[in-house]
Amino acid sequence: MKTNTQIAETIAAYATEKESTWIAEQKALSGKALALAFVKVPRFISKHLIEASDFKGWTLDQVVRVDLLTQLDEANVDLLYETAEMQEAVALTRSLPYLNNPENFLLRATDAVRSNMGPVFDAIAFGNTYPKDYFSEAAWNQLVLKCIFNDKAIHQIIGLDDRANQDLANTLSDFAHERWSAGRRVPSQVWRLVPKFINESLHADIEKLTQSENPRDVLAASLVKQEAQIPGSTQGLWHELEKPEPIYTA
């Protein structure tokens, strides 16, 4: 988890003097006035890309919004959720791990998984530690499966391998059977989730992959077998299969 010190150091490294002054003035506020500052951030803070630090890949305005949110009480954070437009919802969702008492925002996080707004879903699914730390197994599986169904890059989910589980592996097997019976396929990298949970059905699935005409499937089968025999030995070897792969093509 990124601390308030890391947030402050990142802002200090990237904010201009004028931006730093505005931030300090807003942090002196409280309650609804501070919540309003969160809304106003894009008017006063640039979208300068953070190229280093623990917030690499974020923009400065997003980090500033996190900083302001950490000063707010739960009631005002909830108020922001109720009135948020999409970019505000993205910022709120990315900020969840850094809020005070983050476990109290579990419903907001699971709502983001169900969101029809792609950027909001991506904000909870990718590069976000909140699901790994707070989601139940059922909520976690829903997140991973939605990524798979929508051909999203599951390797960007933090905790993907650590939170693999038998129910998810079994569901992936059922999903594969449905695709195969329709003459379709699944992204090869999803099989990284099954080595710890091989049963009779999954064993048959992996053997089927070894006979595939698609070299990606053959590689996936090989990696599953290797990982099942020597846990941890395939770390980094799934990289070749991490490119998006349409699941609805034969």
C-alpha atoms as a PDB file:
ATOM      1  CA  MET A   1       0.000   0.000   0.000  1.00  0.00           C
ATOM      2  CA  LYS A   2       1.286   3.451  -0.877  1.00  0.00           C
ATOM      3  CA  THR A   3       1.585   5.685   2.175  1.00  0.00           C
ATOM      4  CA  ASN A   4       0.710   9.324   2.607  1.00  0.00           C
ATOM      5  CA  THR A   5       4.448  10.035   2.533  1.00  0.00           C
ATOM      6  CA  GLN A   6       4.743   8.460  -0.932  1.00  0.00           C
ATOM      7  CA  ILE A   7       1.765  10.494  -2.122  1.00  0.00           C
ATOM      8  CA  ALA A   8       3.308  13.697  -0.805  1.00  0.00           C
ATOM      9  CA  GLU A   9       6.715  12.900  -2.320  1.00  0.00           C
ATOM     10  CA  THR A  10       5.181  12.236  -5.727  1.00  0.00           C
ATOM     11  CA  ILE A  11       3.209  15.483  -5.701  1.00  0.00           C
ATOM     12  CA  ALA A  12       6.263  17.450  -4.567  1.00  0.00           C
ATOM     13  CA  ALA A  13       8.303  16.005  -7.429  1.00  0.00           C
ATOM     14  CA  TYR A  14       5.798  16.842 -10.167  1.00  0.00           C
ATOM     15  CA  ALA A  15       3.632  19.784  -9.082  1.00  0.00           C
ATOM     16  CA  THR A  16       4.515  23.350 -10.001  1.00  0.00           C
ATOM     17  CA  GLU A  17       4.764  25.989  -7.304  1.00  0.00           C
ATOM     18  CA  LYS A  18       1.332  27.301  -8.263  1.00  0.00           C
ATOM     19  CA  GLU A  19      -0.168  23.806  -8.111  1.00  0.00           C
ATOM     20  CA  SER A  20       1.488  23.098  -4.759  1.00  0.00           C
ATOM     21  CA  THR A  21       0.030  26.298  -3.324  1.00  0.00           C
ATOM     22  CA  TRP A  22      -3.461  25.392  -4.517  1.00  0.00           C
ATOM     23  CA  ILE A  23      -3.181  21.888  -3.048  1.00  0.00           C
ATOM     24  CA  ALA A  24      -2.086  23.248   0.328  1.00  0.00           C
ATOM     25  CA  GLU A  25      -4.987  25.698   0.366  1.00  0.00           C
ATOM     26  CA  GLN A  26      -7.493  22.934  -0.362  1.00  0.00           C
ATOM     27  CA  LYS A  27      -6.082  20.595   2.278  1.00  0.00           C
ATOM     28  CA  ALA A  28      -6.696  23.304   4.858  1.00  0.00           C
ATOM     29  CA  LEU A  29     -10.429  22.882   4.159  1.00  0.00           C
ATOM     30  CA  SER A  30     -12.718  20.193   5.541  1.00  0.00           C
ATOM     31  CA  GLY A  31     -16.040  18.512   4.926  1.00  0.00           C
ATOM     32  CA  LYS A  32     -18.009  19.496   1.838  1.00  0.00           C
ATOM     33  CA  ALA A  33     -15.550  22.235   0.938  1.00  0.00           C
ATOM     34  CA  LEU A  34     -12.756  19.681   0.723  1.00  0.00           C
ATOM     35  CA  ALA A  35     -15.021  17.344  -1.244  1.00  0.00           C
ATOM     36  CA  LEU A  36     -15.662  20.156  -3.694  1.00  0.00           C
ATOM     37  CA  ALA A  37     -11.905  20.567  -4.089  1.00  0.00           C
ATOM     38  CA  PHE A  38     -11.762  16.966  -5.309  1.00  0.00           C
ATOM     39  CA  VAL A  39     -14.237  17.882  -8.060  1.00  0.00           C
ATOM     40  CA  LYS A  40     -12.256  21.004  -9.007  1.00  0.00           C
ATOM     41  CA  VAL A  41      -8.849  19.296  -9.293  1.00  0.00           C
ATOM     42  CA  PRO A  42      -8.742  19.150 -13.153  1.00  0.00           C
ATOM     43  CA  ARG A  43      -9.212  22.929 -13.304  1.00  0.00           C
ATOM     44  CA  PHE A  44      -6.067  23.578 -11.275  1.00  0.00           C
ATOM     45  CA  ILE A  45      -3.820  20.518 -11.634  1.00  0.00           C
ATOM     46  CA  SER A  46      -2.234  19.233 -14.834  1.00  0.00           C
ATOM     47  CA  LYS A  47      -2.461  15.716 -16.228  1.00  0.00           C
ATOM     48  CA  HIS A  48       1.328  15.424 -16.200  1.00  0.00           C
ATOM     49  CA  LEU A  49       2.208  11.735 -16.529  1.00  0.00           C
ATOM     50  CA  ILE A  50       4.044  10.293 -13.541  1.00  0.00           C
ATOM     51  CA  GLU A  51       7.046   8.534 -15.042  1.00  0.00           C
ATOM     52  CA  ALA A  52       8.698   7.356 -11.853  1.00  0.00           C
ATOM     53  CA  SER A  53       7.812   6.751  -8.182  1.00  0.00           C
ATOM     54  CA  ASP A  54       5.252   4.329  -6.827  1.00  0.00           C
ATOM     55  CA  PHE A  55       2.557   6.042  -8.894  1.00  0.00           C
ATOM     56  CA  LYS A  56       4.209   5.414 -12.246  1.00  0.00           C
ATOM     57  CA  GLY A  57       1.591   5.481 -15.003  1.00  0.00           C
ATOM     58  CA  TRP A  58      -0.788   7.749 -13.078  1.00  0.00           C
ATOM     59  CA  THR A  59      -1.304  11.419 -13.887  1.00  0.00           C
ATOM     60  CA  LEU A  60      -0.636  14.208 -11.409  1.00  0.00           C
ATOM     61  CA  ASP A  61      -4.300  15.160 -11.082  1.00  0.00           C
ATOM     62  CA  GLN A  62      -5.146  11.565 -10.110  1.00  0.00           C
ATOM     63  CA  VAL A  63      -2.513  11.532  -7.376  1.00  0.00           C
ATOM     64  CA  VAL A  64      -3.749  14.882  -6.050  1.00  0.00           C
ATOM     65  CA  ARG A  65      -7.274  13.518  -5.912  1.00  0.00           C
ATOM     66  CA  VAL A  66      -6.015  10.579  -3.840  1.00  0.00           C
ATOM     67  CA  ASP A  67      -4.304  13.047  -1.516  1.00  0.00           C
ATOM     68  CA  LEU A  68      -7.522  14.977  -0.989  1.00  0.00           C
ATOM     69  CA  LEU A  69      -9.600  11.840  -0.504  1.00  0.00           C
ATOM     70  CA  THR A  70      -7.362  10.634   2.315  1.00  0.00           C
ATOM     71  CA  GLN A  71      -8.337  13.787   4.234  1.00  0.00           C
ATOM     72  CA  LEU A  72     -12.087  13.204   3.877  1.00  0.00           C
ATOM     73  CA  ASP A  73     -14.462  11.368   6.189  1.00  0.00           C
ATOM     74  CA  GLU A  74     -16.550   8.471   4.877  1.00  0.00           C
ATOM     75  CA  ALA A  75     -19.744  10.488   4.578  1.00  0.00           C
ATOM     76  CA  ASN A  76     -18.195  12.941   2.152  1.00  0.00           C
ATOM     77  CA  VAL A  77     -16.455  10.205   0.167  1.00  0.00           C
ATOM     78  CA  ASP A  78     -19.852   8.545  -0.189  1.00  0.00           C
ATOM     79  CA  LEU A  79     -21.323  11.841  -1.333  1.00  0.00           C
ATOM     80  CA  LEU A  80     -18.676  12.088  -4.039  1.00  0.00           C
ATOM     81  CA  TYR A  81     -19.530   8.579  -5.195  1.00  0.00           C
ATOM     82  CA  GLU A  82     -23.204   9.477  -5.479  1.00  0.00           C
ATOM     83  CA  THR A  83     -22.524  12.489  -7.707  1.00  0.00           C
ATOM     84  CA  ALA A  84     -19.405  11.362  -9.614  1.00  0.00           C
ATOM     85  CA  GLU A  85     -19.101  11.661 -13.363  1.00  0.00           C
ATOM     86  CA  MET A  86     -16.957   9.036 -15.085  1.00  0.00           C
ATOM     87  CA  GLN A  87     -13.469  10.485 -14.538  1.00  0.00           C
ATOM     88  CA  GLU A  88     -14.325  11.208 -10.916  1.00  0.00           C
ATOM     89  CA  ALA A  89     -15.585   7.631 -10.531  1.00  0.00           C
ATOM     90  CA  VAL A  90     -12.304   6.374 -11.999  1.00  0.00           C
ATOM     91  CA  ALA A  91     -10.316   8.476  -9.528  1.00  0.00           C
ATOM     92  CA  LEU A  92     -12.434   7.286  -6.605  1.00  0.00           C
ATOM     93  CA  THR A  93     -12.033   3.668  -7.633  1.00  0.00           C
ATOM     94  CA  ARG A  94      -8.268   3.893  -8.082  1.00  0.00           C
ATOM     95  CA  SER A  95      -8.055   5.575  -4.675  1.00  0.00           C
ATOM     96  CA  LEU A  96      -9.856   2.851  -2.722  1.00  0.00           C
ATOM     97  CA  PRO A  97      -6.747   1.176  -1.243  1.00  0.00           C
ATOM     98  CA  TYR A  98      -5.550   4.493   0.205  1.00  0.00           C
ATOM     99  CA  LEU A  99      -8.754   5.629   1.901  1.00  0.00           C
ATOM    100  CA  ASN A 100      -9.183   5.559   5.647  1.00  0.00           C
ATOM    101  CA  ASN A 101     -10.877   2.258   6.607  1.00  0.00           C
ATOM    102  CA  PRO A 102     -10.869   0.949   3.001  1.00  0.00           C
ATOM    103  CA  GLU A 103     -12.800  -2.164   3.990  1.00  0.00           C
ATOM    104  CA  ASN A 104     -15.850   0.042   4.536  1.00  0.00           C
ATOM    105  CA  PHE A 105     -15.976   0.736   0.800  1.00  0.00           C
ATOM    106  CA  LEU A 106     -16.299  -2.888  -0.292  1.00  0.00           C
ATOM    107  CA  LEU A 107     -19.750  -2.327  -1.821  1.00  0.00           C
ATOM    108  CA  ARG A 108     -18.385   0.572  -3.886  1.00  0.00           C
ATOM    109  CA  ALA A 109     -15.586  -1.669  -5.139  1.00  0.00           C
ATOM    110  CA  THR A 110     -17.862  -4.532  -6.133  1.00  0.00           C
ATOM    111  CA  ASP A 111     -20.181  -2.039  -7.831  1.00  0.00           C
ATOM    112  CA  ALA A 112     -17.192  -1.003  -9.966  1.00  0.00           C
ATOM    113  CA  VAL A 113     -16.820  -4.626 -11.097  1.00  0.00           C
ATOM    114  CA  ARG A 114     -20.411  -4.555 -12.328  1.00  0.00           C
ATOM    115  CA  SER A 115     -20.013  -1.173 -13.986  1.00  0.00           C
ATOM    116  CA  ASN A 116     -20.792  -0.837 -17.684  1.00  0.00           C
ATOM    117  CA  MET A 117     -18.266   1.998 -17.900  1.00  0.00           C
ATOM    118  CA  GLY A 118     -15.051   0.412 -19.126  1.00  0.00           C
ATOM    119  CA  PRO A 119     -12.654   2.908 -17.487  1.00  0.00           C
ATOM    120  CA  VAL A 120     -14.320   2.409 -14.098  1.00  0.00           C
ATOM    121  CA  PHE A 121     -14.087  -1.369 -14.376  1.00  0.00           C
ATOM    122  CA  ASP A 122     -10.456  -1.116 -15.463  1.00  0.00           C
ATOM    123  CA  ALA A 123      -9.737   1.110 -12.444  1.00  0.00           C
ATOM    124  CA  ILE A 124     -10.757  -1.647 -10.028  1.00  0.00           C
ATOM    125  CA  ALA A 125      -9.441  -4.577 -12.081  1.00  0.00           C
ATOM    126  CA  PHE A 126      -5.963  -3.492 -13.125  1.00  0.00           C
ATOM    127  CA  GLY A 127      -3.087  -2.210 -11.021  1.00  0.00           C
ATOM    128  CA  ASN A 128      -5.368  -1.960  -7.995  1.00  0.00           C
ATOM    129  CA  THR A 129      -4.543  -3.831  -4.770  1.00  0.00           C
ATOM    130  CA  TYR A 130      -8.052  -3.481  -3.333  1.00  0.00           C
ATOM    131  CA  PRO A 131      -9.608  -6.647  -4.837  1.00  0.00           C
ATOM    132  CA  LYS A 132      -6.663  -8.804  -3.730  1.00  0.00           C
ATOM    133  CA  ASP A 133      -6.878  -7.508  -0.174  1.00  0.00           C
ATOM    134  CA  TYR A 134     -10.623  -7.232   0.404  1.00  0.00           C
ATOM    135  CA  PHE A 135     -12.715  -9.209  -2.091  1.00  0.00           C
ATOM    136  CA  SER A 136     -14.394 -12.449  -1.108  1.00  0.00           C
ATOM    137  CA  GLU A 137     -13.599 -15.451  -3.269  1.00  0.00           C
ATOM    138  CA  ALA A 138     -16.911 -15.063  -5.119  1.00  0.00           C
ATOM    139  CA  ALA A 139     -16.311 -11.359  -5.809  1.00  0.00           C
ATOM    140  CA  TRP A 140     -12.736 -12.068  -6.881  1.00  0.00           C
ATOM    141  CA  ASN A 141     -13.870 -14.761  -9.296  1.00  0.00           C
ATOM    142  CA  GLN A 142     -16.480 -12.443 -10.779  1.00  0.00           C
ATOM    143  CA  LEU A 143     -13.772  -9.866 -11.457  1.00  0.00           C
ATOM    144  CA  VAL A 144     -11.438 -12.351 -13.158  1.00  0.00           C
ATOM    145  CA  LEU A 145     -14.190 -13.966 -15.194  1.00  0.00           C
ATOM    146  CA  LYS A 146     -15.485 -10.612 -16.449  1.00  0.00           C
ATOM    147  CA  CYS A 147     -11.967  -9.845 -17.679  1.00  0.00           C
ATOM    148  CA  ILE A 148     -11.795 -13.186 -19.469  1.00  0.00           C
ATOM    149  CA  PHE A 149     -15.244 -12.846 -21.034  1.00  0.00           C
ATOM    150  CA  ASN A 150     -14.282  -9.404 -22.343  1.00  0.00           C
ATOM    151  CA  ASP A 151     -10.820 -10.450 -23.573  1.00  0.00           C
ATOM    152  CA  LYS A 152      -9.027  -8.189 -21.114  1.00  0.00           C
ATOM    153  CA  ALA A 153      -5.466  -8.690 -19.928  1.00  0.00           C
ATOM    154  CA  ILE A 154      -5.826 -10.753 -16.753  1.00  0.00           C
ATOM    155  CA  HIS A 155      -2.087 -10.619 -16.018  1.00  0.00           C
ATOM    156  CA  GLN A 156      -2.571  -6.971 -15.049  1.00  0.00           C
ATOM    157  CA  ILE A 157      -4.749  -8.050 -12.110  1.00  0.00           C
ATOM    158  CA  ILE A 158      -2.717  -7.724  -8.907  1.00  0.00           C
ATOM    159  CA  GLY A 159      -2.752 -10.975  -6.948  1.00  0.00           C
ATOM    160  CA  LEU A 160      -3.932 -13.059  -9.907  1.00  0.00           C
ATOM    161  CA  ASP A 161      -1.821 -16.111  -9.112  1.00  0.00           C
ATOM    162  CA  ASP A 162      -2.037 -15.793  -5.336  1.00  0.00           C
ATOM    163  CA  ARG A 163      -5.831 -15.786  -5.329  1.00  0.00           C
ATOM    164  CA  ALA A 164      -6.383 -18.551  -7.868  1.00  0.00           C
ATOM    165  CA  ASN A 165      -8.855 -21.073  -6.441  1.00  0.00           C
ATOM    166  CA  GLN A 166     -10.614 -24.327  -7.206  1.00  0.00           C
ATOM    167  CA  ASP A 167     -14.015 -22.797  -7.972  1.00  0.00           C
ATOM    168  CA  LEU A 168     -12.457 -20.418 -10.481  1.00  0.00           C
ATOM    169  CA  ALA A 169     -10.496 -23.235 -12.111  1.00  0.00           C
ATOM    170  CA  ASN A 170     -13.652 -25.350 -12.404  1.00  0.00           C
ATOM    171  CA  THR A 171     -15.590 -22.436 -13.902  1.00  0.00           C
ATOM    172  CA  LEU A 172     -12.837 -21.882 -16.461  1.00  0.00           C
ATOM    173  CA  SER A 173     -13.100 -25.535 -17.444  1.00  0.00           C
ATOM    174  CA  ASP A 174     -16.862 -25.208 -17.927  1.00  0.00           C
ATOM    175  CA  PHE A 175     -16.342 -22.039 -19.934  1.00  0.00           C
ATOM    176  CA  ALA A 176     -13.776 -23.767 -22.154  1.00  0.00           C
ATOM    177  CA  HIS A 177     -16.162 -26.652 -22.810  1.00  0.00           C
ATOM    178  CA  GLU A 178     -18.865 -24.214 -23.910  1.00  0.00           C
ATOM    179  CA  ARG A 179     -16.459 -22.426 -26.266  1.00  0.00           C
ATOM    180  CA  TRP A 180     -15.090 -25.655 -27.698  1.00  0.00           C
ATOM    181  CA  SER A 181     -18.543 -27.081 -28.324  1.00  0.00           C
ATOM    182  CA  ALA A 182     -19.312 -23.928 -30.340  1.00  0.00           C
ATOM    183  CA  GLY A 183     -16.114 -24.273 -32.350  1.00  0.00           C
ATOM    184  CA  ARG A 184     -14.492 -21.393 -30.516  1.00  0.00           C
ATOM    185  CA  ARG A 185     -11.545 -21.060 -28.161  1.00  0.00           C
ATOM    186  CA  VAL A 186     -10.456 -19.272 -25.001  1.00  0.00           C
ATOM    187  CA  PRO A 187      -7.395 -17.059 -24.438  1.00  0.00           C
ATOM    188  CA  SER A 188      -4.480 -19.372 -23.790  1.00  0.00           C
ATOM    189  CA  GLN A 189      -3.172 -17.491 -20.770  1.00  0.00           C
ATOM    190  CA  VAL A 190      -6.284 -18.243 -18.684  1.00  0.00           C
ATOM    191  CA  TRP A 191      -4.871 -21.716 -18.061  1.00  0.00           C
ATOM    192  CA  ARG A 192      -2.267 -20.155 -15.752  1.00  0.00           C
ATOM    193  CA  LEU A 193      -5.029 -20.219 -13.128  1.00  0.00           C
ATOM    194  CA  VAL A 194      -5.398 -24.009 -12.957  1.00  0.00           C
ATOM    195  CA  PRO A 195      -2.064 -25.780 -12.165  1.00  0.00           C
ATOM    196  CA  LYS A 196      -2.707 -25.949  -8.395  1.00  0.00           C
ATOM    197  CA  PHE A 197      -6.172 -27.379  -8.898  1.00  0.00           C
ATOM    198  CA  ILE A 198      -5.819 -30.118 -11.492  1.00  0.00           C
ATOM    199  CA  ASN A 199      -8.573 -32.714 -11.256  1.00  0.00           C
ATOM    200  CA  GLU A 200      -9.819 -35.281 -13.722  1.00  0.00           C
ATOM    201  CA  SER A 201     -11.763 -32.786 -15.812  1.00  0.00           C
ATOM    202  CA  LEU A 202      -8.969 -30.214 -15.905  1.00  0.00           C
ATOM    203  CA  HIS A 203      -6.422 -32.899 -16.714  1.00  0.00           C
ATOM    204  CA  ALA A 204      -8.503 -33.829 -19.762  1.00  0.00           C
ATOM    205  CA  ASP A 205      -8.687 -30.152 -20.749  1.00  0.00           C
ATOM    206  CA  ILE A 206      -4.921 -29.775 -20.639  1.00  0.00           C
ATOM    207  CA  GLU A 207      -4.449 -32.936 -22.693  1.00  0.00           C
ATOM    208  CA  LYS A 208      -6.854 -31.508 -25.259  1.00  0.00           C
ATOM    209  CA  LEU A 209      -4.749 -28.353 -25.424  1.00  0.00           C
ATOM    210  CA  THR A 210      -1.641 -30.387 -26.219  1.00  0.00           C
ATOM    211  CA  GLN A 211      -3.394 -31.577 -29.391  1.00  0.00           C
ATOM    212  CA  SER A 212      -4.397 -28.077 -30.501  1.00  0.00           C
ATOM    213  CA  GLU A 213      -3.312 -26.674 -33.837  1.00  0.00           C
ATOM    214  CA  ASN A 214      -2.753 -23.348 -32.114  1.00  0.00           C
ATOM    215  CA  PRO A 215       0.815 -23.098 -30.752  1.00  0.00           C
ATOM    216  CA  ARG A 216      -0.367 -20.793 -27.961  1.00  0.00           C
ATOM    217  CA  ASP A 217      -2.572 -23.551 -26.580  1.00  0.00           C
ATOM    218  CA  VAL A 218       0.256 -26.058 -26.810  1.00  0.00           C
ATOM    219  CA  LEU A 219       2.542 -23.705 -24.908  1.00  0.00           C
ATOM    220  CA  ALA A 220      -0.130 -23.122 -22.263  1.00  0.00           C
ATOM    221  CA  ALA A 221      -0.532 -26.872 -21.767  1.00  0.00           C
ATOM    222  CA  SER A 222       3.217 -27.279 -21.391  1.00  0.00           C
ATOM    223  CA  LEU A 223       3.401 -24.502 -18.804  1.00  0.00           C
ATOM    224  CA  VAL A 224       0.479 -25.899 -16.812  1.00  0.00           C
ATOM    225  CA  LYS A 225       2.134 -29.322 -16.642  1.00  0.00           C
ATOM    226  CA  GLN A 226       5.468 -27.814 -15.629  1.00  0.00           C
ATOM    227  CA  GLU A 227       3.911 -25.627 -12.937  1.00  0.00           C
ATOM    228  CA  ALA A 228       1.888 -28.543 -11.554  1.00  0.00           C
ATOM    229  CA  GLN A 229       5.054 -30.610 -11.219  1.00  0.00           C
ATOM    230  CA  ILE A 230       7.363 -27.834  -9.989  1.00  0.00           C
ATOM    231  CA  PRO A 231       5.399 -24.973  -8.367  1.00  0.00           C
ATOM    232  CA  GLY A 232       6.890 -21.582  -9.125  1.00  0.00           C
ATOM    233  CA  SER A 233       8.978 -22.789 -12.047  1.00  0.00           C
ATOM    234  CA  THR A 234       6.935 -20.991 -14.731  1.00  0.00           C
ATOM    235  CA  GLN A 235       7.145 -17.520 -13.213  1.00  0.00           C
ATOM    236  CA  GLY A 236       7.739 -15.097 -16.084  1.00  0.00           C
ATOM    237  CA  LEU A 237       7.218 -17.771 -18.738  1.00  0.00           C
ATOM    238  CA  TRP A 238       3.592 -16.842 -19.413  1.00  0.00           C
ATOM    239  CA  HIS A 239       4.706 -13.539 -20.929  1.00  0.00           C
ATOM    240  CA  GLU A 240       4.381 -14.848 -24.481  1.00  0.00           C
ATOM    241  CA  LEU A 241       0.689 -15.542 -23.901  1.00  0.00           C
ATOM    242  CA  GLU A 242      -0.199 -12.195 -22.335  1.00  0.00           C
ATOM    243  CA  LYS A 243      -1.192 -10.374 -25.518  1.00  0.00           C
ATOM    244  CA  PRO A 244      -4.958  -9.875 -25.958  1.00  0.00           C
ATOM    245  CA  GLU A 245      -6.504 -12.773 -27.785  1.00  0.00           C
ATOM    246  CA  PRO A 246     -10.109 -12.622 -29.075  1.00  0.00           C
ATOM    247  CA  ILE A 247     -12.056 -15.478 -27.543  1.00  0.00           C
ATOM    248  CA  TYR A 248     -14.901 -15.489 -30.027  1.00  0.00           C
ATOM    249  CA  THR A 249     -12.831 -16.519 -33.025  1.00  0.00           C
ATOM    250  CA  ALA A 250     -12.356 -20.134 -33.990  1.00  0.00           C
END
